[in-house]
């Protein structure tokens, strides 16, 4: 499985990706996890299975999901607390859920608030 974590500039996603690698190794799971920025997204979608989107990109989430679906990539919006948690458990769990899901995108931020 190939996972891409994206944020605005790629800085905070780097920390999440690193925590995910540690968690995956601790669980004995194999996956490639990379970090990137929103501007690099188009060039990366053809090479990944799961896209985890930083919460500050929530306003663009629907557009990002539509683009990801064109490549058969399952996208999920990361909850804000993922960036403050010291381990990668929540992010890994979300990626694993996405990889086995029968739908491409999780609910939009507006739908989760209702």
PDB file of N, CA and C in Angstrom:
ATOM      1  N   UNK A   1       0.849  -1.172   0.000  1.00  0.00           N
ATOM      2  CA  UNK A   1       0.000   0.000   0.000  1.00  0.00           C
ATOM      3  C   UNK A   1       0.894   1.235   0.000  1.00  0.00           C
ATOM      4  N   UNK A   2       0.500   2.209  -0.806  1.00  0.00           N
ATOM      5  CA  UNK A   2       1.221   3.480  -0.860  1.00  0.00           C
ATOM      6  C   UNK A   2       0.293   4.590  -0.366  1.00  0.00           C
ATOM      7  N   UNK A   3       0.774   5.333   0.612  1.00  0.00           N
ATOM      8  CA  UNK A   3      -0.015   6.372   1.270  1.00  0.00           C
ATOM      9  C   UNK A   3       0.677   7.712   1.076  1.00  0.00           C
ATOM     10  N   UNK A   4      -0.097   8.730   0.751  1.00  0.00           N
ATOM     11  CA  UNK A   4       0.421  10.091   0.676  1.00  0.00           C
ATOM     12  C   UNK A   4      -0.339  10.950   1.672  1.00  0.00           C
ATOM     13  N   UNK A   5       0.396  11.673   2.497  1.00  0.00           N
ATOM     14  CA  UNK A   5      -0.179  12.620   3.453  1.00  0.00           C
ATOM     15  C   UNK A   5       0.110  14.011   2.906  1.00  0.00           C
ATOM     16  N   UNK A   6      -0.941  14.807   2.675  1.00  0.00           N
ATOM     17  CA  UNK A   6      -0.725  16.149   2.129  1.00  0.00           C
ATOM     18  C   UNK A   6      -1.229  17.225   3.073  1.00  0.00           C
ATOM     19  N   UNK A   7      -0.522  18.329   3.049  1.00  0.00           N
ATOM     20  CA  UNK A   7      -0.936  19.537   3.757  1.00  0.00           C
ATOM     21  C   UNK A   7      -0.632  20.706   2.822  1.00  0.00           C
ATOM     22  N   UNK A   8      -0.751  21.898   3.314  1.00  0.00           N
ATOM     23  CA  UNK A   8      -0.542  23.063   2.465  1.00  0.00           C
ATOM     24  C   UNK A   8       0.847  23.153   1.875  1.00  0.00           C
ATOM     25  N   UNK A   9       1.869  23.066   2.704  1.00  0.00           N
ATOM     26  CA  UNK A   9       3.249  23.227   2.234  1.00  0.00           C
ATOM     27  C   UNK A   9       4.074  21.956   2.351  1.00  0.00           C
ATOM     28  N   UNK A  10       3.574  20.942   3.003  1.00  0.00           N
ATOM     29  CA  UNK A  10       4.300  19.687   3.146  1.00  0.00           C
ATOM     30  C   UNK A  10       5.071  19.537   4.442  1.00  0.00           C
ATOM     31  N   UNK A  11       5.070  20.564   5.271  1.00  0.00           N
ATOM     32  CA  UNK A  11       5.853  20.504   6.515  1.00  0.00           C
ATOM     33  C   UNK A  11       5.167  19.650   7.579  1.00  0.00           C
ATOM     34  N   UNK A  12       3.928  19.960   7.914  1.00  0.00           N
ATOM     35  CA  UNK A  12       3.257  19.198   8.969  1.00  0.00           C
ATOM     36  C   UNK A  12       2.966  17.768   8.526  1.00  0.00           C
ATOM     37  N   UNK A  13       2.743  17.567   7.247  1.00  0.00           N
ATOM     38  CA  UNK A  13       2.497  16.205   6.765  1.00  0.00           C
ATOM     39  C   UNK A  13       3.736  15.326   6.911  1.00  0.00           C
ATOM     40  N   UNK A  14       4.911  15.932   6.907  1.00  0.00           N
ATOM     41  CA  UNK A  14       6.151  15.180   7.101  1.00  0.00           C
ATOM     42  C   UNK A  14       6.173  14.529   8.476  1.00  0.00           C
ATOM     43  N   UNK A  15       5.733  15.251   9.501  1.00  0.00           N
ATOM     44  CA  UNK A  15       5.691  14.703  10.854  1.00  0.00           C
ATOM     45  C   UNK A  15       4.676  13.565  10.960  1.00  0.00           C
ATOM     46  N   UNK A  16       3.508  13.748  10.348  1.00  0.00           N
ATOM     47  CA  UNK A  16       2.486  12.703  10.383  1.00  0.00           C
ATOM     48  C   UNK A  16       2.992  11.451   9.667  1.00  0.00           C
ATOM     49  N   UNK A  17       3.604  11.628   8.508  1.00  0.00           N
ATOM     50  CA  UNK A  17       4.122  10.488   7.744  1.00  0.00           C
ATOM     51  C   UNK A  17       5.175   9.722   8.538  1.00  0.00           C
ATOM     52  N   UNK A  18       6.045  10.433   9.210  1.00  0.00           N
ATOM     53  CA  UNK A  18       7.084   9.779  10.007  1.00  0.00           C
ATOM     54  C   UNK A  18       6.468   8.972  11.157  1.00  0.00           C
ATOM     55  N   UNK A  19       5.484   9.544  11.824  1.00  0.00           N
ATOM     56  CA  UNK A  19       4.809   8.819  12.914  1.00  0.00           C
ATOM     57  C   UNK A  19       4.108   7.570  12.379  1.00  0.00           C
ATOM     58  N   UNK A  20       3.543   7.689  11.185  1.00  0.00           N
ATOM     59  CA  UNK A  20       2.872   6.545  10.576  1.00  0.00           C
ATOM     60  C   UNK A  20       3.866   5.427  10.271  1.00  0.00           C
ATOM     61  N   UNK A  21       5.032   5.771   9.757  1.00  0.00           N
ATOM     62  CA  UNK A  21       6.057   4.758   9.459  1.00  0.00           C
ATOM     63  C   UNK A  21       6.443   3.981  10.721  1.00  0.00           C
ATOM     64  N   UNK A  22       6.621   4.704  11.816  1.00  0.00           N
ATOM     65  CA  UNK A  22       6.983   4.064  13.088  1.00  0.00           C
ATOM     66  C   UNK A  22       5.862   3.133  13.547  1.00  0.00           C
ATOM     67  N   UNK A  23       4.632   3.597  13.472  1.00  0.00           N
ATOM     68  CA  UNK A  23       3.482   2.792  13.895  1.00  0.00           C
ATOM     69  C   UNK A  23       3.313   1.564  13.013  1.00  0.00           C
ATOM     70  N   UNK A  24       3.438   1.730  11.708  1.00  0.00           N
ATOM     71  CA  UNK A  24       3.325   0.593  10.794  1.00  0.00           C
ATOM     72  C   UNK A  24       4.378  -0.467  11.108  1.00  0.00           C
ATOM     73  N   UNK A  25       5.603  -0.031  11.336  1.00  0.00           N
ATOM     74  CA  UNK A  25       6.684  -0.969  11.667  1.00  0.00           C
ATOM     75  C   UNK A  25       6.393  -1.689  12.980  1.00  0.00           C
ATOM     76  N   UNK A  26       5.893  -0.956  13.973  1.00  0.00           N
ATOM     77  CA  UNK A  26       5.577  -1.555  15.270  1.00  0.00           C
ATOM     78  C   UNK A  26       4.463  -2.591  15.150  1.00  0.00           C
ATOM     79  N   UNK A  27       3.562  -2.388  14.213  1.00  0.00           N
ATOM     80  CA  UNK A  27       2.460  -3.332  14.000  1.00  0.00           C
ATOM     81  C   UNK A  27       2.851  -4.469  13.054  1.00  0.00           C
ATOM     82  N   UNK A  28       4.034  -4.388  12.495  1.00  0.00           N
ATOM     83  CA  UNK A  28       4.472  -5.410  11.554  1.00  0.00           C
ATOM     84  C   UNK A  28       3.818  -5.291  10.192  1.00  0.00           C
ATOM     85  N   UNK A  29       3.373  -4.094   9.845  1.00  0.00           N
ATOM     86  CA  UNK A  29       2.713  -3.851   8.564  1.00  0.00           C
ATOM     87  C   UNK A  29       3.676  -3.181   7.592  1.00  0.00           C
ATOM     88  N   UNK A  30       3.476  -3.457   6.323  1.00  0.00           N
ATOM     89  CA  UNK A  30       4.326  -2.868   5.298  1.00  0.00           C
ATOM     90  C   UNK A  30       3.515  -1.891   4.459  1.00  0.00           C
ATOM     91  N   UNK A  31       4.008  -0.686   4.347  1.00  0.00           N
ATOM     92  CA  UNK A  31       3.399   0.336   3.500  1.00  0.00           C
ATOM     93  C   UNK A  31       4.436   1.413   3.244  1.00  0.00           C
ATOM     94  N   UNK A  32       4.289   2.091   2.135  1.00  0.00           N
ATOM     95  CA  UNK A  32       5.131   3.241   1.844  1.00  0.00           C
ATOM     96  C   UNK A  32       4.329   4.484   2.199  1.00  0.00           C
ATOM     97  N   UNK A  33       4.909   5.349   2.999  1.00  0.00           N
ATOM     98  CA  UNK A  33       4.227   6.572   3.415  1.00  0.00           C
ATOM     99  C   UNK A  33       5.091   7.757   3.017  1.00  0.00           C
ATOM    100  N   UNK A  34       4.496   8.674   2.269  1.00  0.00           N
ATOM    101  CA  UNK A  34       5.207   9.877   1.840  1.00  0.00           C
ATOM    102  C   UNK A  34       4.414  11.098   2.265  1.00  0.00           C
ATOM    103  N   UNK A  35       5.100  12.212   2.354  1.00  0.00           N
ATOM    104  CA  UNK A  35       4.469  13.492   2.678  1.00  0.00           C
ATOM    105  C   UNK A  35       4.598  14.398   1.470  1.00  0.00           C
ATOM    106  N   UNK A  36       3.629  15.279   1.316  1.00  0.00           N
ATOM    107  CA  UNK A  36       3.687  16.204   0.195  1.00  0.00           C
ATOM    108  C   UNK A  36       2.826  17.414   0.432  1.00  0.00           C
ATOM    109  N   UNK A  37       2.890  18.310  -0.524  1.00  0.00           N
ATOM    110  CA  UNK A  37       2.097  19.529  -0.442  1.00  0.00           C
ATOM    111  C   UNK A  37       0.928  19.452  -1.416  1.00  0.00           C
ATOM    112  N   UNK A  38      -0.036  20.296  -1.199  1.00  0.00           N
ATOM    113  CA  UNK A  38      -1.203  20.346  -2.074  1.00  0.00           C
ATOM    114  C   UNK A  38      -0.790  20.621  -3.518  1.00  0.00           C
ATOM    115  N   UNK A  39       0.212  21.448  -3.716  1.00  0.00           N
ATOM    116  CA  UNK A  39       0.632  21.804  -5.076  1.00  0.00           C
ATOM    117  C   UNK A  39       1.236  20.624  -5.835  1.00  0.00           C
ATOM    118  N   UNK A  40       1.735  19.606  -5.139  1.00  0.00           N
ATOM    119  CA  UNK A  40       2.328  18.424  -5.768  1.00  0.00           C
ATOM    120  C   UNK A  40       1.316  17.306  -5.989  1.00  0.00           C
ATOM    121  N   UNK A  41       0.096  17.518  -5.575  1.00  0.00           N
ATOM    122  CA  UNK A  41      -0.898  16.457  -5.552  1.00  0.00           C
ATOM    123  C   UNK A  41      -1.149  15.839  -6.923  1.00  0.00           C
ATOM    124  N   UNK A  42      -1.346  16.642  -7.932  1.00  0.00           N
ATOM    125  CA  UNK A  42      -1.661  16.127  -9.265  1.00  0.00           C
ATOM    126  C   UNK A  42      -0.622  15.163  -9.794  1.00  0.00           C
ATOM    127  N   UNK A  43       0.633  15.428  -9.529  1.00  0.00           N
ATOM    128  CA  UNK A  43       1.717  14.573 -10.013  1.00  0.00           C
ATOM    129  C   UNK A  43       1.849  13.288  -9.208  1.00  0.00           C
ATOM    130  N   UNK A  44       1.254  13.228  -8.034  1.00  0.00           N
ATOM    131  CA  UNK A  44       1.430  12.082  -7.138  1.00  0.00           C
ATOM    132  C   UNK A  44       0.298  11.066  -7.187  1.00  0.00           C
ATOM    133  N   UNK A  45      -0.869  11.458  -7.636  1.00  0.00           N
ATOM    134  CA  UNK A  45      -2.046  10.597  -7.523  1.00  0.00           C
ATOM    135  C   UNK A  45      -1.947   9.292  -8.305  1.00  0.00           C
ATOM    136  N   UNK A  46      -1.191   9.267  -9.363  1.00  0.00           N
ATOM    137  CA  UNK A  46      -1.073   8.047 -10.147  1.00  0.00           C
ATOM    138  C   UNK A  46      -0.227   6.977  -9.497  1.00  0.00           C
ATOM    139  N   UNK A  47       0.428   7.319  -8.397  1.00  0.00           N
ATOM    140  CA  UNK A  47       1.363   6.393  -7.755  1.00  0.00           C
ATOM    141  C   UNK A  47       0.972   5.977  -6.349  1.00  0.00           C
ATOM    142  N   UNK A  48      -0.252   6.284  -5.908  1.00  0.00           N
ATOM    143  CA  UNK A  48      -0.642   5.994  -4.525  1.00  0.00           C
ATOM    144  C   UNK A  48      -1.974   5.252  -4.469  1.00  0.00           C
ATOM    145  N   UNK A  49      -2.247   4.682  -3.299  1.00  0.00           N
ATOM    146  CA  UNK A  49      -3.516   3.993  -3.055  1.00  0.00           C
ATOM    147  C   UNK A  49      -4.432   4.793  -2.140  1.00  0.00           C
ATOM    148  N   UNK A  50      -3.824   5.477  -1.162  1.00  0.00           N
ATOM    149  CA  UNK A  50      -4.583   6.216  -0.151  1.00  0.00           C
ATOM    150  C   UNK A  50      -4.008   7.617  -0.018  1.00  0.00           C
ATOM    151  N   UNK A  51      -4.905   8.590   0.073  1.00  0.00           N
ATOM    152  CA  UNK A  51      -4.526   9.988   0.266  1.00  0.00           C
ATOM    153  C   UNK A  51      -5.119  10.475   1.581  1.00  0.00           C
ATOM    154  N   UNK A  52      -4.261  10.942   2.480  1.00  0.00           N
ATOM    155  CA  UNK A  52      -4.714  11.534   3.737  1.00  0.00           C
ATOM    156  C   UNK A  52      -4.511  13.035   3.627  1.00  0.00           C
ATOM    157  N   UNK A  53      -5.590  13.784   3.820  1.00  0.00           N
ATOM    158  CA  UNK A  53      -5.609  15.227   3.587  1.00  0.00           C
ATOM    159  C   UNK A  53      -5.613  15.967   4.920  1.00  0.00           C
ATOM    160  N   UNK A  54      -4.709  16.914   5.063  1.00  0.00           N
ATOM    161  CA  UNK A  54      -4.626  17.717   6.277  1.00  0.00           C
ATOM    162  C   UNK A  54      -5.902  18.502   6.517  1.00  0.00           C
ATOM    163  N   UNK A  55      -6.288  18.691   7.779  1.00  0.00           N
ATOM    164  CA  UNK A  55      -7.556  19.339   8.109  1.00  0.00           C
ATOM    165  C   UNK A  55      -7.656  20.780   7.636  1.00  0.00           C
ATOM    166  N   UNK A  56      -6.546  21.468   7.499  1.00  0.00           N
ATOM    167  CA  UNK A  56      -6.596  22.852   7.034  1.00  0.00           C
ATOM    168  C   UNK A  56      -6.923  22.935   5.544  1.00  0.00           C
ATOM    169  N   UNK A  57      -6.960  21.793   4.854  1.00  0.00           N
ATOM    170  CA  UNK A  57      -7.380  21.754   3.457  1.00  0.00           C
ATOM    171  C   UNK A  57      -8.854  21.368   3.327  1.00  0.00           C
ATOM    172  N   UNK A  58      -9.585  21.377   4.432  1.00  0.00           N
ATOM    173  CA  UNK A  58     -11.002  21.007   4.421  1.00  0.00           C
ATOM    174  C   UNK A  58     -11.819  21.796   3.399  1.00  0.00           C
ATOM    175  N   UNK A  59     -11.581  23.102   3.211  1.00  0.00           N
ATOM    176  CA  UNK A  59     -12.359  23.823   2.199  1.00  0.00           C
ATOM    177  C   UNK A  59     -12.159  23.279   0.775  1.00  0.00           C
ATOM    178  N   UNK A  60     -11.033  22.663   0.499  1.00  0.00           N
ATOM    179  CA  UNK A  60     -10.752  22.100  -0.825  1.00  0.00           C
ATOM    180  C   UNK A  60     -10.996  20.588  -0.877  1.00  0.00           C
ATOM    181  N   UNK A  61     -11.450  20.019   0.217  1.00  0.00           N
ATOM    182  CA  UNK A  61     -11.541  18.560   0.329  1.00  0.00           C
ATOM    183  C   UNK A  61     -12.405  17.922  -0.759  1.00  0.00           C
ATOM    184  N   UNK A  62     -13.554  18.481  -1.052  1.00  0.00           N
ATOM    185  CA  UNK A  62     -14.421  17.893  -2.076  1.00  0.00           C
ATOM    186  C   UNK A  62     -13.727  17.856  -3.429  1.00  0.00           C
ATOM    187  N   UNK A  63     -13.035  18.929  -3.784  1.00  0.00           N
ATOM    188  CA  UNK A  63     -12.305  18.973  -5.058  1.00  0.00           C
ATOM    189  C   UNK A  63     -11.162  17.961  -5.059  1.00  0.00           C
ATOM    190  N   UNK A  64     -10.450  17.868  -3.958  1.00  0.00           N
ATOM    191  CA  UNK A  64      -9.338  16.921  -3.846  1.00  0.00           C
ATOM    192  C   UNK A  64      -9.861  15.493  -3.981  1.00  0.00           C
ATOM    193  N   UNK A  65     -10.985  15.200  -3.350  1.00  0.00           N
ATOM    194  CA  UNK A  65     -11.578  13.860  -3.432  1.00  0.00           C
ATOM    195  C   UNK A  65     -11.985  13.516  -4.855  1.00  0.00           C
ATOM    196  N   UNK A  66     -12.582  14.472  -5.545  1.00  0.00           N
ATOM    197  CA  UNK A  66     -12.999  14.238  -6.927  1.00  0.00           C
ATOM    198  C   UNK A  66     -11.788  13.929  -7.808  1.00  0.00           C
ATOM    199  N   UNK A  67     -10.721  14.671  -7.617  1.00  0.00           N
ATOM    200  CA  UNK A  67      -9.497  14.436  -8.375  1.00  0.00           C
ATOM    201  C   UNK A  67      -8.909  13.066  -8.030  1.00  0.00           C
ATOM    202  N   UNK A  68      -8.853  12.744  -6.752  1.00  0.00           N
ATOM    203  CA  UNK A  68      -8.301  11.459  -6.316  1.00  0.00           C
ATOM    204  C   UNK A  68      -9.106  10.289  -6.879  1.00  0.00           C
ATOM    205  N   UNK A  69     -10.421  10.411  -6.888  1.00  0.00           N
ATOM    206  CA  UNK A  69     -11.282   9.337  -7.383  1.00  0.00           C
ATOM    207  C   UNK A  69     -11.014   9.035  -8.854  1.00  0.00           C
ATOM    208  N   UNK A  70     -10.619  10.033  -9.617  1.00  0.00           N
ATOM    209  CA  UNK A  70     -10.294   9.818 -11.032  1.00  0.00           C
ATOM    210  C   UNK A  70      -9.123   8.851 -11.192  1.00  0.00           C
ATOM    211  N   UNK A  71      -8.289   8.761 -10.182  1.00  0.00           N
ATOM    212  CA  UNK A  71      -7.125   7.876 -10.201  1.00  0.00           C
ATOM    213  C   UNK A  71      -7.354   6.593  -9.396  1.00  0.00           C
ATOM    214  N   UNK A  72      -8.565   6.426  -8.872  1.00  0.00           N
ATOM    215  CA  UNK A  72      -8.855   5.252  -8.056  1.00  0.00           C
ATOM    216  C   UNK A  72      -8.240   5.313  -6.672  1.00  0.00           C
ATOM    217  N   UNK A  73      -7.940   6.524  -6.223  1.00  0.00           N
ATOM    218  CA  UNK A  73      -7.312   6.738  -4.918  1.00  0.00           C
ATOM    219  C   UNK A  73      -8.386   7.055  -3.889  1.00  0.00           C
ATOM    220  N   UNK A  74      -8.313   6.411  -2.750  1.00  0.00           N
ATOM    221  CA  UNK A  74      -9.262   6.678  -1.669  1.00  0.00           C
ATOM    222  C   UNK A  74      -8.703   7.775  -0.774  1.00  0.00           C
ATOM    223  N   UNK A  75      -9.513   8.801  -0.564  1.00  0.00           N
ATOM    224  CA  UNK A  75      -9.085   9.972   0.212  1.00  0.00           C
ATOM    225  C   UNK A  75      -9.828  10.034   1.536  1.00  0.00           C
ATOM    226  N   UNK A  76      -9.125  10.501   2.552  1.00  0.00           N
ATOM    227  CA  UNK A  76      -9.720  10.719   3.866  1.00  0.00           C
ATOM    228  C   UNK A  76      -9.182  12.018   4.432  1.00  0.00           C
ATOM    229  N   UNK A  77     -10.048  12.745   5.120  1.00  0.00           N
ATOM    230  CA  UNK A  77      -9.672  13.991   5.778  1.00  0.00           C
ATOM    231  C   UNK A  77      -9.160  13.664   7.177  1.00  0.00           C
ATOM    232  N   UNK A  78      -7.937  14.056   7.454  1.00  0.00           N
ATOM    233  CA  UNK A  78      -7.356  13.815   8.775  1.00  0.00           C
ATOM    234  C   UNK A  78      -7.995  14.726   9.817  1.00  0.00           C
ATOM    235  N   UNK A  79      -8.318  14.208  10.984  1.00  0.00           N
ATOM    236  CA  UNK A  79      -8.802  15.080  12.056  1.00  0.00           C
ATOM    237  C   UNK A  79      -7.653  15.949  12.571  1.00  0.00           C
ATOM    238  N   UNK A  80      -7.970  17.128  13.043  1.00  0.00           N
ATOM    239  CA  UNK A  80      -6.950  18.080  13.494  1.00  0.00           C
ATOM    240  C   UNK A  80      -6.069  17.513  14.600  1.00  0.00           C
ATOM    241  N   UNK A  81      -6.630  16.689  15.464  1.00  0.00           N
ATOM    242  CA  UNK A  81      -5.852  16.175  16.596  1.00  0.00           C
ATOM    243  C   UNK A  81      -4.706  15.255  16.168  1.00  0.00           C
ATOM    244  N   UNK A  82      -4.736  14.744  14.950  1.00  0.00           N
ATOM    245  CA  UNK A  82      -3.657  13.886  14.456  1.00  0.00           C
ATOM    246  C   UNK A  82      -2.312  14.611  14.492  1.00  0.00           C
ATOM    247  N   UNK A  83      -2.340  15.907  14.317  1.00  0.00           N
ATOM    248  CA  UNK A  83      -1.098  16.669  14.269  1.00  0.00           C
ATOM    249  C   UNK A  83      -0.505  16.918  15.651  1.00  0.00           C
ATOM    250  N   UNK A  84      -1.299  16.721  16.700  1.00  0.00           N
ATOM    251  CA  UNK A  84      -0.778  16.924  18.053  1.00  0.00           C
ATOM    252  C   UNK A  84      -0.516  15.612  18.792  1.00  0.00           C
ATOM    253  N   UNK A  85      -0.992  14.502  18.252  1.00  0.00           N
ATOM    254  CA  UNK A  85      -0.769  13.191  18.866  1.00  0.00           C
ATOM    255  C   UNK A  85       0.661  12.749  18.572  1.00  0.00           C
ATOM    256  N   UNK A  86       1.306  12.158  19.546  1.00  0.00           N
ATOM    257  CA  UNK A  86       2.711  11.765  19.400  1.00  0.00           C
ATOM    258  C   UNK A  86       2.933  10.442  18.674  1.00  0.00           C
ATOM    259  N   UNK A  87       1.853   9.721  18.376  1.00  0.00           N
ATOM    260  CA  UNK A  87       2.023   8.468  17.636  1.00  0.00           C
ATOM    261  C   UNK A  87       1.173   8.499  16.370  1.00  0.00           C
ATOM    262  N   UNK A  88       1.340   7.501  15.540  1.00  0.00           N
ATOM    263  CA  UNK A  88       0.645   7.473  14.265  1.00  0.00           C
ATOM    264  C   UNK A  88      -0.547   6.548  14.222  1.00  0.00           C
ATOM    265  N   UNK A  89      -1.033   6.121  15.391  1.00  0.00           N
ATOM    266  CA  UNK A  89      -2.130   5.157  15.428  1.00  0.00           C
ATOM    267  C   UNK A  89      -3.373   5.625  14.682  1.00  0.00           C
ATOM    268  N   UNK A  90      -3.849   6.821  14.961  1.00  0.00           N
ATOM    269  CA  UNK A  90      -5.080   7.307  14.333  1.00  0.00           C
ATOM    270  C   UNK A  90      -4.916   7.438  12.825  1.00  0.00           C
ATOM    271  N   UNK A  91      -3.774   7.922  12.387  1.00  0.00           N
ATOM    272  CA  UNK A  91      -3.526   8.086  10.952  1.00  0.00           C
ATOM    273  C   UNK A  91      -3.434   6.738  10.249  1.00  0.00           C
ATOM    274  N   UNK A  92      -2.743   5.799  10.863  1.00  0.00           N
ATOM    275  CA  UNK A  92      -2.626   4.458  10.281  1.00  0.00           C
ATOM    276  C   UNK A  92      -3.996   3.795  10.224  1.00  0.00           C
ATOM    277  N   UNK A  93      -4.773   3.896  11.290  1.00  0.00           N
ATOM    278  CA  UNK A  93      -6.113   3.306  11.299  1.00  0.00           C
ATOM    279  C   UNK A  93      -6.975   3.895  10.191  1.00  0.00           C
ATOM    280  N   UNK A  94      -6.888   5.193   9.994  1.00  0.00           N
ATOM    281  CA  UNK A  94      -7.663   5.854   8.947  1.00  0.00           C
ATOM    282  C   UNK A  94      -7.214   5.383   7.567  1.00  0.00           C
ATOM    283  N   UNK A  95      -5.920   5.252   7.361  1.00  0.00           N
ATOM    284  CA  UNK A  95      -5.398   4.778   6.076  1.00  0.00           C
ATOM    285  C   UNK A  95      -5.826   3.338   5.805  1.00  0.00           C
ATOM    286  N   UNK A  96      -5.782   2.496   6.822  1.00  0.00           N
ATOM    287  CA  UNK A  96      -6.201   1.102   6.654  1.00  0.00           C
ATOM    288  C   UNK A  96      -7.688   1.014   6.342  1.00  0.00           C
ATOM    289  N   UNK A  97      -8.478   1.839   7.003  1.00  0.00           N
ATOM    290  CA  UNK A  97      -9.918   1.875   6.709  1.00  0.00           C
ATOM    291  C   UNK A  97     -10.137   2.292   5.267  1.00  0.00           C
ATOM    292  N   UNK A  98      -9.440   3.324   4.831  1.00  0.00           N
ATOM    293  CA  UNK A  98      -9.597   3.820   3.463  1.00  0.00           C
ATOM    294  C   UNK A  98      -9.206   2.756   2.446  1.00  0.00           C
ATOM    295  N   UNK A  99      -8.137   2.052   2.715  1.00  0.00           N
ATOM    296  CA  UNK A  99      -7.638   1.054   1.772  1.00  0.00           C
ATOM    297  C   UNK A  99      -8.621  -0.087   1.550  1.00  0.00           C
ATOM    298  N   UNK A 100      -9.432  -0.382   2.550  1.00  0.00           N
ATOM    299  CA  UNK A 100     -10.372  -1.496   2.439  1.00  0.00           C
ATOM    300  C   UNK A 100     -11.808  -1.042   2.192  1.00  0.00           C
ATOM    301  N   UNK A 101     -12.033   0.249   2.107  1.00  0.00           N
ATOM    302  CA  UNK A 101     -13.385   0.783   1.940  1.00  0.00           C
ATOM    303  C   UNK A 101     -13.902   0.560   0.523  1.00  0.00           C
ATOM    304  N   UNK A 102     -15.201   0.551   0.399  1.00  0.00           N
ATOM    305  CA  UNK A 102     -15.824   0.423  -0.920  1.00  0.00           C
ATOM    306  C   UNK A 102     -16.200   1.781  -1.495  1.00  0.00           C
ATOM    307  N   UNK A 103     -15.882   2.846  -0.808  1.00  0.00           N
ATOM    308  CA  UNK A 103     -16.168   4.192  -1.292  1.00  0.00           C
ATOM    309  C   UNK A 103     -14.874   4.991  -1.294  1.00  0.00           C
ATOM    310  N   UNK A 104     -14.816   5.999  -2.151  1.00  0.00           N
ATOM    311  CA  UNK A 104     -13.573   6.733  -2.350  1.00  0.00           C
ATOM    312  C   UNK A 104     -13.306   7.826  -1.331  1.00  0.00           C
ATOM    313  N   UNK A 105     -14.338   8.498  -0.845  1.00  0.00           N
ATOM    314  CA  UNK A 105     -14.108   9.638   0.046  1.00  0.00           C
ATOM    315  C   UNK A 105     -14.941   9.519   1.303  1.00  0.00           C
ATOM    316  N   UNK A 106     -14.393  10.002   2.391  1.00  0.00           N
ATOM    317  CA  UNK A 106     -15.152  10.090   3.627  1.00  0.00           C
ATOM    318  C   UNK A 106     -16.092  11.282   3.505  1.00  0.00           C
ATOM    319  N   UNK A 107     -17.052  11.412   4.404  1.00  0.00           N
ATOM    320  CA  UNK A 107     -17.967  12.545   4.331  1.00  0.00           C
ATOM    321  C   UNK A 107     -17.220  13.874   4.309  1.00  0.00           C
ATOM    322  N   UNK A 108     -17.835  14.826   3.646  1.00  0.00           N
ATOM    323  CA  UNK A 108     -17.237  16.155   3.618  1.00  0.00           C
ATOM    324  C   UNK A 108     -17.315  16.760   5.006  1.00  0.00           C
ATOM    325  N   UNK A 109     -16.481  17.743   5.297  1.00  0.00           N
ATOM    326  CA  UNK A 109     -16.524  18.372   6.622  1.00  0.00           C
ATOM    327  C   UNK A 109     -17.919  18.865   6.993  1.00  0.00           C
ATOM    328  N   UNK A 110     -18.675  19.381   6.020  1.00  0.00           N
ATOM    329  CA  UNK A 110     -20.021  19.871   6.309  1.00  0.00           C
ATOM    330  C   UNK A 110     -20.920  18.731   6.773  1.00  0.00           C
ATOM    331  N   UNK A 111     -20.790  17.557   6.143  1.00  0.00           N
ATOM    332  CA  UNK A 111     -21.626  16.419   6.506  1.00  0.00           C
ATOM    333  C   UNK A 111     -21.308  15.896   7.896  1.00  0.00           C
ATOM    334  N   UNK A 112     -20.067  15.987   8.314  1.00  0.00           N
ATOM    335  CA  UNK A 112     -19.708  15.471   9.629  1.00  0.00           C
ATOM    336  C   UNK A 112     -20.201  16.379  10.748  1.00  0.00           C
ATOM    337  N   UNK A 113     -20.504  17.621  10.438  1.00  0.00           N
ATOM    338  CA  UNK A 113     -20.975  18.560  11.451  1.00  0.00           C
ATOM    339  C   UNK A 113     -22.476  18.458  11.680  1.00  0.00           C
ATOM    340  N   UNK A 114     -23.199  17.826  10.791  1.00  0.00           N
ATOM    341  CA  UNK A 114     -24.654  17.755  10.905  1.00  0.00           C
ATOM    342  C   UNK A 114     -25.087  16.659  11.837  1.00  0.00           C
TER     343      UNK A 114
END
